[in-house]
C-alpha cells in the first residue's frame, strides 16, 4: 500500500479510491495507513480530490494526513 504511493507510476485517482475504501477497513492499523497514504498522495502527486478526501479524513480524525494535504497542496496556507 505504501509502496504504490511512494514510488509513483500508478494513477493517483485509482490510488485515492483504494485508500478511501480502506478507511472503512475493520483493522484500525489498515485505516491509519490508508489515511497516511492519502496524505502522501498530496506530497507525491501534488493533487487530490479534496472535496472527497478532506471530509473523510476529518471524519476519521486523521489530522496528520490533513496537515500533509495543507502543506503539499496549499503551502502558503498550510504553515
Protein backbone atom coordinates (compact mmCIF):
# COMPACT_ATOMS: atom_id res chain seq x y z
CA UNK A 1 0.00 0.00 0.00
CA UNK A 2 2.73 2.47 0.92
CA UNK A 3 4.98 1.44 -1.97
CA UNK A 4 2.30 2.28 -4.51
CA UNK A 5 2.07 5.88 -3.40
CA UNK A 6 5.76 6.47 -2.68
CA UNK A 7 7.12 5.05 -5.91
CA UNK A 8 4.56 6.60 -8.20
CA UNK A 9 3.80 5.20 -11.60
CA UNK A 10 0.20 4.48 -10.64
CA UNK A 11 -2.86 6.53 -11.46
CA UNK A 12 -3.30 8.82 -8.44
CA UNK A 13 -7.08 8.65 -8.80
CA UNK A 14 -7.09 4.85 -8.59
CA UNK A 15 -4.88 5.01 -5.52
CA UNK A 16 -7.14 7.62 -3.97
CA UNK A 17 -10.16 5.34 -4.45
CA UNK A 18 -8.28 2.40 -2.95
CA UNK A 19 -7.27 4.37 0.13
CA UNK A 20 -10.71 5.93 0.58
CA UNK A 21 -12.19 2.44 0.58
CA UNK A 22 -9.63 1.24 3.09
CA UNK A 23 -10.67 3.97 5.53
CA UNK A 24 -13.61 1.62 6.22
CA UNK A 25 -11.46 -1.47 6.88
CA UNK A 26 -12.16 -3.41 10.06
CA UNK A 27 -8.49 -3.31 11.11
CA UNK A 28 -7.61 0.03 12.73
CA UNK A 29 -3.99 -0.17 11.53
CA UNK A 30 -5.13 -0.52 7.92
CA UNK A 31 -7.37 2.54 8.35
CA UNK A 32 -4.49 4.55 9.79
CA UNK A 33 -2.17 3.51 6.96
CA UNK A 34 -4.81 4.38 4.35
CA UNK A 35 -5.14 7.87 5.84
CA UNK A 36 -1.37 8.29 5.80
CA UNK A 37 -1.25 7.22 2.17
CA UNK A 38 -3.90 9.79 1.24
CA UNK A 39 -1.69 12.49 2.74
CA UNK A 40 1.28 11.14 0.80
CA UNK A 41 -0.70 11.28 -2.45
CA UNK A 42 -0.75 15.04 -1.99
CA UNK A 43 3.01 15.05 -1.50
CA UNK A 44 3.98 12.73 -4.34
CA UNK A 45 1.43 13.71 -6.99
CA UNK A 46 0.63 17.26 -5.91
CA UNK A 47 -3.06 16.65 -6.44
CA UNK A 48 -6.03 15.06 -4.78
CA UNK A 49 -9.82 15.30 -4.94
CA UNK A 50 -10.05 17.42 -1.82
CA UNK A 51 -13.84 17.61 -1.96
CA UNK A 52 -13.96 13.86 -1.43
CA UNK A 53 -10.85 13.20 0.64
CA UNK A 54 -10.83 16.01 3.22
CA UNK A 55 -14.30 15.27 4.66
CA UNK A 56 -13.40 11.59 5.02
CA UNK A 57 -10.12 12.38 6.76
CA UNK A 58 -11.93 14.77 9.09
CA UNK A 59 -14.50 12.06 9.83
CA UNK A 60 -11.78 9.60 10.90
CA UNK A 61 -9.81 12.36 12.66
CA UNK A 62 -6.69 11.87 10.53
CA UNK A 63 -5.01 15.14 11.49
CA UNK A 64 -1.54 14.21 10.20
CA UNK A 65 -2.91 13.41 6.74
CA UNK A 66 -4.91 16.64 6.75
CA UNK A 67 -1.74 18.54 7.64
CA UNK A 68 0.12 16.86 4.76
CA UNK A 69 -2.60 17.95 2.36
CA UNK A 70 -2.45 21.52 3.64
CA UNK A 71 1.34 21.65 3.35
CA UNK A 72 1.71 19.98 -0.04
CA UNK A 73 -1.35 21.31 -1.85
CA UNK A 74 -1.60 24.74 -0.20
CA UNK A 75 1.92 25.57 1.02
CA UNK A 76 1.17 29.19 1.88
CA UNK A 77 -1.97 28.30 3.85
CA UNK A 78 -0.56 25.16 5.45
CA UNK A 79 2.06 26.90 7.55
